[in-house]
Amino acid sequence: MPKKEKKRLQVVISEEQDALLTKTAYELSSPERLISKSEVVRLAIEKIAQDLSAGDTASLKEYISTLDDEHEE
């Protein structure tokens, strides 16, 4: 079975966002399974896509609000 081709995405995040990403990866990890920050990002992408597919307008408004708050900083 051929390997899946992966795409790379580079983003600039704040130190606060990096700390949140690290904390989340740590909290999701267990001694049997360490979760990387990249995996946390992939999970977040899936979660947002699921919310949008399900028509979760409350989450959509919250996402937009968070982005607007970051843009103002």
Protein backbone atom coordinates (compact mmCIF):
# COMPACT_ATOMS: atom_id res chain seq x y z
CA MET A 1 0.00 0.00 0.00
CA PRO A 2 1.59 3.31 -1.03
CA LYS A 3 2.27 5.95 1.57
CA LYS A 4 -0.10 8.88 1.73
CA GLU A 5 1.44 12.08 0.49
CA LYS A 6 1.43 14.68 3.23
CA LYS A 7 1.35 18.41 2.75
CA ARG A 8 3.24 20.79 4.97
CA LEU A 9 1.84 24.00 6.34
CA GLN A 10 3.90 26.57 8.15
CA VAL A 11 2.14 29.14 10.31
CA VAL A 12 3.29 31.84 12.66
CA ILE A 13 1.80 31.56 16.13
CA SER A 14 2.30 33.59 19.28
CA GLU A 15 4.17 32.31 22.31
CA GLU A 16 0.81 32.13 24.09
CA GLN A 17 -0.64 29.94 21.32
CA ASP A 18 2.46 27.73 21.36
CA ALA A 19 2.12 27.31 25.13
CA LEU A 20 -1.56 26.39 24.69
CA LEU A 21 -0.64 23.90 21.98
CA THR A 22 2.04 22.33 24.17
CA LYS A 23 -0.32 22.15 27.16
CA THR A 24 -3.04 20.53 25.06
CA ALA A 25 -0.64 17.93 23.62
CA TYR A 26 0.58 17.14 27.14
CA GLU A 27 -2.97 16.78 28.49
CA LEU A 28 -4.00 14.49 25.61
CA SER A 29 -0.90 12.32 26.02
CA SER A 30 -0.57 9.24 28.16
CA PRO A 31 2.40 7.04 29.07
CA GLU A 32 1.29 4.67 26.30
CA ARG A 33 0.73 7.35 23.66
CA LEU A 34 2.44 10.69 23.34
CA ILE A 35 0.51 13.26 21.30
CA SER A 36 2.50 15.76 19.25
CA LYS A 37 1.62 19.39 18.69
CA SER A 38 1.11 18.56 15.01
CA GLU A 39 -1.47 15.95 15.98
CA VAL A 40 -3.27 18.53 18.13
CA VAL A 41 -3.42 20.87 15.12
CA ARG A 42 -4.79 18.07 12.92
CA LEU A 43 -7.42 17.25 15.57
CA ALA A 44 -8.42 20.92 15.75
CA ILE A 45 -8.82 21.08 11.98
CA GLU A 46 -11.04 17.98 12.04
CA LYS A 47 -13.12 19.38 14.92
CA ILE A 48 -13.70 22.71 13.17
CA ALA A 49 -14.61 20.94 9.92
CA GLN A 50 -17.08 18.67 11.77
CA ASP A 51 -18.69 21.67 13.48
CA LEU A 52 -19.07 23.46 10.15
CA SER A 53 -20.48 20.33 8.45
CA ALA A 54 -22.98 19.87 11.27
CA GLY A 55 -24.13 23.48 10.92
CA ASP A 56 -23.00 24.36 14.44
CA THR A 57 -23.54 28.12 14.15
CA ALA A 58 -22.67 28.76 17.81
CA SER A 59 -19.19 27.32 17.29
CA LEU A 60 -18.83 29.17 13.99
CA LYS A 61 -19.58 32.49 15.71
CA GLU A 62 -17.11 31.63 18.48
CA TYR A 63 -14.38 30.79 15.93
CA ILE A 64 -14.95 34.05 14.06
CA SER A 65 -14.96 36.02 17.31
CA THR A 66 -11.65 34.44 18.36
CA LEU A 67 -10.09 35.29 15.00
CA ASP A 68 -11.40 38.86 15.20
CA ASP A 69 -9.93 39.24 18.72
CA GLU A 70 -6.54 38.01 17.49
CA HIS A 71 -6.66 40.34 14.50
CA GLU A 72 -7.23 43.35 16.76
CA GLU A 73 -4.13 42.61 18.87
